[in-house]
Protein backbone atom coordinates (compact mmCIF):
# COMPACT_ATOMS: atom_id res chain seq x y z
CA UNK A 1 -10.70 -18.61 -11.53
CA UNK A 2 -8.68 -17.56 -8.48
CA UNK A 3 -10.17 -15.21 -5.88
CA UNK A 4 -8.35 -13.75 -2.88
CA UNK A 5 -10.63 -13.24 0.15
CA UNK A 6 -9.21 -10.57 2.47
CA UNK A 7 -11.80 -8.96 4.77
CA UNK A 8 -11.37 -7.14 8.06
CA UNK A 9 -13.75 -7.88 10.92
CA UNK A 10 -17.35 -6.70 10.79
CA UNK A 11 -17.22 -5.01 14.18
CA UNK A 12 -19.75 -6.33 16.64
CA UNK A 13 -20.79 -9.27 14.49
CA UNK A 14 -18.00 -11.15 12.67
CA UNK A 15 -14.31 -11.64 13.25
CA UNK A 16 -12.15 -11.33 10.14
CA UNK A 17 -11.74 -15.11 9.95
CA UNK A 18 -15.51 -15.60 10.19
CA UNK A 19 -16.12 -12.99 7.50
CA UNK A 20 -13.62 -14.72 5.20
CA UNK A 21 -15.35 -18.06 5.72
CA UNK A 22 -18.75 -16.57 4.90
CA UNK A 23 -17.39 -14.96 1.73
CA UNK A 24 -15.77 -18.24 0.74
CA UNK A 25 -19.07 -20.09 1.14
CA UNK A 26 -20.77 -17.54 -1.12
CA UNK A 27 -18.12 -17.91 -3.81
CA UNK A 28 -18.34 -21.70 -3.73
CA UNK A 29 -22.12 -21.52 -4.15
CA UNK A 30 -21.60 -19.56 -7.34
CA UNK A 31 -18.45 -21.28 -8.62
CA UNK A 32 -17.78 -24.59 -6.82
CA UNK A 33 -14.49 -25.14 -8.64
CA UNK A 34 -13.06 -21.68 -8.07
CA UNK A 35 -9.71 -21.50 -6.32
CA UNK A 36 -9.99 -19.34 -3.21
CA UNK A 37 -7.29 -18.07 -0.88
CA UNK A 38 -8.48 -16.89 2.54
CA UNK A 39 -6.32 -14.10 3.97
CA UNK A 40 -8.30 -12.32 6.72
CA UNK A 41 -6.65 -9.01 7.56
CA UNK A 42 -6.84 -6.06 9.95
CA UNK A 43 -5.63 -2.50 10.36
CA UNK A 44 -4.08 -2.54 13.82
CA UNK A 45 -7.35 -2.66 15.76
CA UNK A 46 -9.12 -5.50 17.48
CA UNK A 47 -8.51 -8.84 15.81
CA UNK A 48 -5.15 -7.92 14.29
CA UNK A 49 -3.28 -10.33 16.52
CA UNK A 50 -5.62 -13.22 15.74
CA UNK A 51 -5.30 -12.46 12.04
CA UNK A 52 -1.51 -12.42 12.08
CA UNK A 53 -1.35 -15.57 14.18
CA UNK A 54 -3.81 -17.33 11.86
CA UNK A 55 -2.12 -16.48 8.56
CA UNK A 56 1.36 -17.37 9.87
CA UNK A 57 0.30 -20.54 11.70
CA UNK A 58 1.36 -19.06 15.02
CA UNK A 59 0.23 -19.47 18.62
CA UNK A 60 -1.01 -17.35 21.53
CA UNK A 61 -0.27 -17.19 25.25
CA UNK A 62 -2.70 -16.09 27.96
CA UNK A 63 -1.43 -13.60 30.54
CA UNK A 64 -3.28 -12.28 33.63
CA UNK A 65 -2.99 -8.48 33.69
CA UNK A 66 -4.55 -5.37 35.20
CA UNK A 67 -7.42 -4.28 32.94
CA UNK A 68 -8.37 -0.71 32.04
CA UNK A 69 -10.47 -0.28 35.21
CA UNK A 70 -7.84 -1.74 37.55
CA UNK A 71 -9.38 -5.21 37.85
CA UNK A 72 -7.62 -8.38 36.74
CA UNK A 73 -8.41 -9.64 33.24
CA UNK A 74 -6.96 -12.40 31.07
CA UNK A 75 -5.17 -10.93 28.07
CA UNK A 76 -2.98 -12.66 25.54
CA UNK A 77 -0.13 -12.07 23.14
CA UNK A 78 0.61 -13.81 19.87
CA UNK A 79 3.70 -15.51 18.51
CA UNK A 80 3.96 -15.59 14.75
CA UNK A 81 4.87 -18.72 12.83
CA UNK A 82 8.52 -17.64 12.70
CA UNK A 83 8.66 -18.28 16.48
CA UNK A 84 10.51 -14.97 16.85
CA UNK A 85 7.97 -12.19 16.43
CA UNK A 86 5.58 -11.30 19.24
CA UNK A 87 2.27 -9.51 18.61
CA UNK A 88 0.88 -7.35 21.39
CA UNK A 89 -2.73 -6.31 20.82
CA UNK A 90 -3.51 -3.51 23.21
CA UNK A 91 -7.25 -4.14 23.10
CA UNK A 92 -6.89 -7.53 24.84
CA UNK A 93 -5.44 -5.82 27.94
CA UNK A 94 -6.64 -2.20 27.82
CA UNK A 95 -9.49 -2.28 25.32
CA UNK A 96 -12.84 -0.53 25.27
CA UNK A 97 -14.61 -3.89 25.10
CA UNK A 98 -13.28 -4.63 28.60
CA UNK A 99 -15.27 -1.72 30.05
CA UNK A 100 -18.92 -2.61 30.78
CA UNK A 101 -21.64 -0.35 29.44
CA UNK A 102 -22.30 2.50 31.83
CA UNK A 103 -18.84 2.30 33.41
CA UNK A 104 -16.80 4.33 30.95
CA UNK A 105 -14.19 6.23 32.97
CA UNK A 106 -11.72 8.05 30.69
CA UNK A 107 -10.09 9.85 33.63
CA UNK A 108 -9.30 6.54 35.34
CA UNK A 109 -8.63 3.90 32.67
CA UNK A 110 -5.05 2.69 32.45
CA UNK A 111 -2.68 1.07 29.97
CA UNK A 112 -0.87 -0.77 32.78
CA UNK A 113 -2.01 -4.16 31.48
CA UNK A 114 -0.52 -3.49 28.06
CA UNK A 115 2.82 -2.86 29.75
CA UNK A 116 2.45 -6.13 31.65
CA UNK A 117 1.92 -7.98 28.36
CA UNK A 118 5.11 -6.47 26.94
CA UNK A 119 7.04 -7.32 30.10
CA UNK A 120 5.86 -10.94 30.02
CA UNK A 121 6.89 -11.27 26.38
CA UNK A 122 10.31 -9.82 27.22
CA UNK A 123 10.59 -12.30 30.11
CA UNK A 124 9.77 -15.06 27.63
CA UNK A 125 12.71 -14.00 25.47
CA UNK A 126 11.11 -12.05 22.62
CA UNK A 127 12.87 -9.02 21.18
CA UNK A 128 10.88 -8.40 17.98
CA UNK A 129 7.42 -6.91 18.49
CA UNK A 130 4.39 -5.81 16.52
CA UNK A 131 2.19 -3.49 18.57
CA UNK A 132 -1.45 -3.30 17.45
CA UNK A 133 -2.85 -0.34 19.37
CA UNK A 134 -6.43 0.14 18.18
CA UNK A 135 -9.58 -0.18 20.28
CA UNK A 136 -8.26 1.29 23.53
CA UNK A 137 -10.37 2.44 26.48
CA UNK A 138 -7.62 4.73 27.71
CA UNK A 139 -6.43 8.33 27.57
CA UNK A 140 -3.41 8.19 29.87
CA UNK A 141 -0.68 8.97 27.35
CA UNK A 142 0.72 5.48 27.84
CA UNK A 143 1.76 6.34 31.40
CA UNK A 144 0.35 3.11 32.85
CA UNK A 145 2.17 1.03 30.26
CA UNK A 146 5.44 2.77 31.13
CA UNK A 147 4.83 2.25 34.87
CA UNK A 148 4.41 -1.50 34.31
CA UNK A 149 7.81 -1.49 32.61
CA UNK A 150 9.55 0.23 35.50
CA UNK A 151 9.29 3.96 34.82
CA UNK A 152 8.70 5.86 38.05
CA UNK A 153 6.17 8.65 37.48
CA UNK A 154 6.36 10.80 40.59
CA UNK A 155 4.43 13.72 42.06
CA UNK A 156 6.01 16.67 43.83
CA UNK A 157 6.22 14.64 47.07
CA UNK A 158 8.10 11.79 45.39
CA UNK A 159 5.12 9.44 45.38
CA UNK A 160 4.01 7.51 42.30
CA UNK A 161 0.88 8.87 40.68
CA UNK A 162 -2.22 6.72 40.33
CA UNK A 163 -3.78 5.24 37.22
CA UNK A 164 -5.46 7.19 34.45
CA UNK A 165 -5.25 10.38 32.44
CA UNK A 166 -6.85 12.24 35.31
CA UNK A 167 -3.62 11.84 37.32
CA UNK A 168 -1.21 13.27 34.77
CA UNK A 169 -1.42 16.85 36.06
CA UNK A 170 0.41 15.62 39.20
CA UNK A 171 3.55 14.56 37.34
CA UNK A 172 6.63 16.33 38.69
CA UNK A 173 9.42 13.91 37.81
CA UNK A 174 10.09 10.90 35.59
CA UNK A 175 12.67 8.52 37.04
CA UNK A 176 13.99 6.27 34.26
CA UNK A 177 16.57 4.39 36.34
CA UNK A 178 14.33 1.34 36.78
CA UNK A 179 12.89 1.40 33.26
CA UNK A 180 13.29 -2.00 31.61
CA UNK A 181 16.66 -1.95 29.82
CA UNK A 182 15.68 -4.80 27.50
CA UNK A 183 13.47 -2.39 25.58
CA UNK A 184 16.41 -0.56 24.03
CA UNK A 185 17.69 -3.86 22.63
CA UNK A 186 14.33 -4.82 21.09
CA UNK A 187 12.52 -3.75 17.94
CA UNK A 188 8.96 -2.43 17.98
CA UNK A 189 6.72 -1.94 14.97
CA UNK A 190 3.55 0.02 15.76
CA UNK A 191 0.56 -0.94 13.63
CA UNK A 192 -1.70 2.10 13.52
CA UNK A 193 -3.28 4.32 10.89
CA UNK A 194 -3.89 7.18 13.35
CA UNK A 195 -1.92 10.31 12.47
CA UNK A 196 -3.35 12.58 15.17
CA UNK A 197 -0.98 14.52 17.43
CA UNK A 198 -1.11 14.14 21.19
CA UNK A 199 -2.86 17.40 22.10
CA UNK A 200 -5.11 20.08 20.62
CA UNK A 201 -8.38 19.92 18.71
CA UNK A 202 -6.98 17.10 16.54
CA UNK A 203 -5.39 15.33 19.48
CA UNK A 204 -6.18 12.20 21.43
CA UNK A 205 -8.62 13.73 23.93
CA UNK A 206 -10.73 15.84 21.57
CA UNK A 207 -10.97 13.29 18.76
CA UNK A 208 -11.12 9.97 20.60
CA UNK A 209 -12.07 10.93 24.15
CA UNK A 210 -15.84 11.16 23.56
CA UNK A 211 -16.09 7.55 22.36
CA UNK A 212 -14.45 6.54 25.64
CA UNK A 213 -17.01 8.43 27.69
CA UNK A 214 -15.43 11.88 27.97
CA UNK A 215 -17.80 14.82 28.28
CA UNK A 216 -16.68 18.20 26.86
CA UNK A 217 -15.45 19.18 30.35
CA UNK A 218 -13.49 15.94 30.74
CA UNK A 219 -12.04 16.33 27.25
CA UNK A 220 -10.58 19.68 28.28
CA UNK A 221 -9.16 18.21 31.50
CA UNK A 222 -7.57 15.30 29.63
CA UNK A 223 -6.09 17.57 26.98
CA UNK A 224 -4.59 19.87 29.61
CA UNK A 225 -3.19 16.86 31.47
CA UNK A 226 -1.67 15.40 28.31
CA UNK A 227 -0.06 18.79 27.61
CA UNK A 228 1.58 18.68 31.02
CA UNK A 229 2.58 15.06 30.42
CA UNK A 230 4.14 15.94 27.06
CA UNK A 231 6.15 18.73 28.71
CA UNK A 232 7.55 16.31 31.29
CA UNK A 233 8.32 13.66 28.66
CA UNK A 234 10.21 16.23 26.59
CA UNK A 235 12.45 17.15 29.52
CA UNK A 236 13.56 13.51 29.86
CA UNK A 237 13.60 12.22 26.28
CA UNK A 238 13.95 15.35 24.14
CA UNK A 239 10.94 14.16 22.13
CA UNK A 240 8.15 16.72 21.80
CA UNK A 241 4.95 14.73 21.51
CA UNK A 242 2.63 17.73 21.48
CA UNK A 243 2.18 17.95 17.70
CA UNK A 244 3.96 14.77 16.65
CA UNK A 245 1.89 12.80 14.09
CA UNK A 246 0.73 9.50 15.54
CA UNK A 247 1.43 10.48 19.15
CA UNK A 248 -2.30 10.69 19.81
CA UNK A 249 -2.99 7.10 18.81
CA UNK A 250 -4.85 5.01 21.41
CA UNK A 251 -5.19 7.78 23.95
CA UNK A 252 -1.57 8.82 23.60
CA UNK A 253 0.15 5.46 23.99
CA UNK A 254 1.46 6.00 20.46
CA UNK A 255 3.45 8.93 21.81
CA UNK A 256 4.81 6.88 24.71
CA UNK A 257 6.14 4.29 22.27
CA UNK A 258 7.67 6.96 20.04
CA UNK A 259 9.38 8.67 22.98
CA UNK A 260 10.62 5.75 25.08
CA UNK A 261 11.00 2.85 22.61
CA UNK A 262 13.00 2.19 19.46
CA UNK A 263 9.75 2.20 17.54
CA UNK A 264 8.58 2.68 13.97
CA UNK A 265 4.95 3.46 13.17
CA UNK A 266 3.37 2.05 10.01
CA UNK A 267 -0.15 1.90 8.68
CA UNK A 268 -1.76 -1.12 10.30
CA UNK A 269 -3.06 -2.71 7.13
CA UNK A 270 0.41 -2.48 5.54
CA UNK A 271 1.92 -4.36 8.46
CA UNK A 272 -0.67 -7.13 8.19
CA UNK A 273 -0.31 -7.40 4.41
CA UNK A 274 3.45 -7.64 4.74
CA UNK A 275 3.44 -10.39 7.35
CA UNK A 276 0.69 -12.35 5.60
CA UNK A 277 2.72 -12.20 2.35
CA UNK A 278 -0.40 -10.89 0.64
CA UNK A 279 1.42 -9.76 -2.52
CA UNK A 280 2.76 -13.26 -3.18
CA UNK A 281 -0.76 -14.59 -3.72
CA UNK A 282 -1.71 -11.96 -6.30
CA UNK A 283 0.44 -12.91 -9.30
CA UNK A 284 -2.18 -15.21 -10.83
CA UNK A 285 -5.32 -13.95 -9.08
CA UNK A 286 -8.40 -12.81 -10.98
CA UNK A 287 -10.19 -10.93 -8.21
CA UNK A 288 -9.80 -9.73 -4.63
CA UNK A 289 -12.80 -9.42 -2.30
CA UNK A 290 -12.47 -7.42 0.91
CA UNK A 291 -14.81 -5.70 3.33
CA UNK A 292 -15.60 -4.53 6.84
CA UNK A 293 -18.56 -3.35 8.88
CA UNK A 294 -18.89 0.12 7.36
CA UNK A 295 -17.42 1.65 4.23
CA UNK A 296 -17.67 5.40 3.63
CA UNK A 297 -15.50 8.45 3.04
CA UNK A 298 -13.30 7.51 6.02
CA UNK A 299 -12.29 4.25 4.35
CA UNK A 300 -9.98 6.17 2.02
CA UNK A 301 -7.99 7.45 5.02
CA UNK A 302 -6.10 4.17 5.21
CA UNK A 303 -8.51 1.56 6.47
CA UNK A 304 -8.33 -2.11 5.56
CA UNK A 305 -10.30 -2.17 2.26
CA UNK A 306 -8.21 0.68 0.85
CA UNK A 307 -4.90 -0.98 1.73
CA UNK A 308 -6.03 -4.28 0.23
CA UNK A 309 -7.22 -2.59 -2.96
CA UNK A 310 -4.02 -0.58 -3.35
CA UNK A 311 -1.87 -3.70 -3.01
CA UNK A 312 -4.02 -5.58 -5.52
CA UNK A 313 -3.99 -2.69 -8.00
CA UNK A 314 -0.19 -2.78 -8.12
CA UNK A 315 -0.48 -6.20 -9.75
CA UNK A 316 -3.48 -5.35 -11.92
CA UNK A 317 -6.02 -7.30 -9.88
CA UNK A 318 -9.46 -5.71 -9.36
CA UNK A 319 -11.02 -5.43 -5.92
CA UNK A 320 -14.66 -5.60 -4.81
CA UNK A 321 -15.72 -4.39 -1.35
CA UNK A 322 -18.65 -5.91 0.53
CA UNK A 323 -19.64 -4.05 3.69
CA UNK A 324 -22.25 -4.16 6.39
CA UNK A 325 -23.32 -0.63 5.51
CA UNK A 326 -22.22 1.76 2.79
CA UNK A 327 -22.07 5.50 3.44
CA UNK A 328 -21.30 8.61 1.42
CA UNK A 329 -18.01 9.46 -0.25
CA UNK A 330 -17.07 6.05 -1.63
CA UNK A 331 -16.38 7.34 -5.16
CA UNK A 332 -12.76 8.08 -4.28
CA UNK A 333 -12.17 4.36 -3.73
CA UNK A 334 -12.54 3.76 -7.46
CA UNK A 335 -9.24 5.60 -7.95
CA UNK A 336 -7.50 2.97 -5.84
CA UNK A 337 -8.49 -0.20 -7.66
CA UNK A 338 -11.99 -0.75 -6.28
CA UNK A 339 -14.43 -1.60 -9.07
CA UNK A 340 -17.57 -1.70 -6.91
CA UNK A 341 -18.85 -1.46 -3.33
CA UNK A 342 -21.83 -3.45 -2.01
CA UNK A 343 -23.85 -3.70 1.20
CA UNK A 344 -24.94 -7.01 2.68
CA UNK A 345 -28.42 -5.60 3.33
CA UNK A 346 -30.67 -7.19 0.72
CA UNK A 347 -33.99 -5.81 2.01
CA UNK A 348 -35.20 -3.08 4.38
CA UNK A 349 -33.76 -3.86 7.84
CA UNK A 350 -32.27 -2.10 10.83
CA UNK A 351 -28.64 -2.29 11.86
CA UNK A 352 -29.31 -4.74 14.68
CA UNK A 353 -30.98 -7.19 12.32
CA UNK A 354 -28.13 -7.01 9.83
CA UNK A 355 -25.56 -7.60 12.57
CA UNK A 356 -27.46 -10.58 13.97
CA UNK A 357 -27.57 -12.20 10.53
CA UNK A 358 -24.24 -10.90 9.24
CA UNK A 359 -22.73 -14.26 8.27
CA UNK A 360 -25.73 -15.36 6.23
CA UNK A 361 -26.16 -11.95 4.59
CA UNK A 362 -22.46 -11.76 3.74
CA UNK A 363 -22.53 -15.21 2.18
CA UNK A 364 -25.57 -14.36 0.03
CA UNK A 365 -24.18 -10.99 -1.04
CA UNK A 366 -20.83 -12.49 -1.97
CA UNK A 367 -22.53 -15.13 -4.09
CA UNK A 368 -24.49 -12.55 -6.06
CA UNK A 369 -21.51 -10.23 -6.45
CA UNK A 370 -19.21 -12.91 -7.87
CA UNK A 371 -21.96 -14.22 -10.16
CA UNK A 372 -22.27 -10.75 -11.67
CA UNK A 373 -18.50 -10.27 -11.86
CA UNK A 374 -17.89 -13.78 -13.21
CA UNK A 375 -20.23 -13.23 -16.13
CA UNK A 376 -17.80 -10.68 -17.59
CA UNK A 377 -14.36 -10.76 -15.93
CA UNK A 378 -12.75 -8.82 -18.81
CA UNK A 379 -14.83 -5.75 -18.06
CA UNK A 380 -14.10 -6.09 -14.35
CA UNK A 381 -10.37 -6.04 -14.92
CA UNK A 382 -10.54 -3.18 -17.37
CA UNK A 383 -11.83 -0.82 -14.68
CA UNK A 384 -8.67 -1.06 -12.63
CA UNK A 385 -5.60 -0.39 -14.72
CA UNK A 386 -4.63 -0.02 -18.35
CA UNK A 387 -4.23 -3.40 -19.99
CA UNK A 388 -0.76 -4.66 -19.09
CA UNK A 389 1.10 -7.70 -20.31
CA UNK A 390 -0.04 -9.58 -17.20
CA UNK A 391 -3.67 -8.71 -17.82
CA UNK A 392 -3.34 -9.56 -21.52
CA UNK A 393 -1.90 -12.92 -20.55
CA UNK A 394 -4.84 -13.58 -18.25
CA UNK A 395 -7.33 -12.56 -20.92
CA UNK A 396 -5.67 -14.80 -23.49
CA UNK A 397 -5.74 -17.73 -21.14
CA UNK A 398 -9.51 -17.31 -20.72
CA UNK A 399 -10.32 -17.48 -24.44
CA UNK A 400 -12.37 -20.51 -25.23
CA UNK A 401 -12.70 -21.32 -21.54
CA UNK A 402 -15.89 -21.13 -19.53
CA UNK A 403 -15.38 -19.57 -16.11
CA UNK A 404 -15.38 -22.11 -13.33
């Protein structure tokens, strides 16, 4: 019996690596001799860098930068095991977790620190980048990041504007003469599943602004400012970010990358699966277990469990999802290779209790799930795809053999 363990983080309680370890413990309690492969994953949000560094046996480097509120914080970037690819996780420099409760300031938060991370990596000689841009505290259209890399963003008096999306209405000129020339000779892969445009009701401010502290009035201000920003960017780059899919990611930094960098945007989970060589572990696997903090109708929009299940389905391997909480609209997941979805809550409890005991609950749930699945693996596989030669081979190999 071979089981691939590929969870995302359980936000607020378990990192992806910790979730994978808990799942592994549960499997070993049920089947001590089972072969398990731990491949913690992510979708471009917090933890993506640690995941990629872990699965490729890479390293990290600490860098002092300006945080989202203008104070100094210690961020870090990752170097993959190939010693060539640098991972910049925006959340470590400009993330929402760096803003204390009660101090959310969407008009003022800046991406300057993210630009400093990129600059340091360029100084260290890296030219191949993965940009994980989830979990931001910002709504500045990536202006701060560009300033850190040498772009002069000037007002009508020729002075540089200040930090934050609240300053963007002052932009009168973009001076690219000092913009870091090394960027055009580097490759940037943006890991993000956000398809929102920069402005409008589906844009960065309206959709993501409220979670960063924006009131309805501030949302309107930010959206107007980003519209002005997009107009100015278009005059310099010829790229119209206004309705460009993905430009609204992470408060508009997605648009800054698309306009000023040689950048490609891909679904975050696909990037992680590619670099972790996930598909190579599936050829003789019997089951994949994945999960994250909450699974509901939004999971099918491209979040981690969906991407894992789709990759496993291509090779005829069934997937089970174990989540902190399970919401409505999960039926669609069954069309993508998911045979069942389970919550870690095994008795009446509130969310806080489940988060405090997430590791133990995840271990217990995983044990029970694999015991049930292991009692009839043929039926589990049959839910995913028509019986193929690979599946038939697996079934034949199980005849006369008790599951480990």
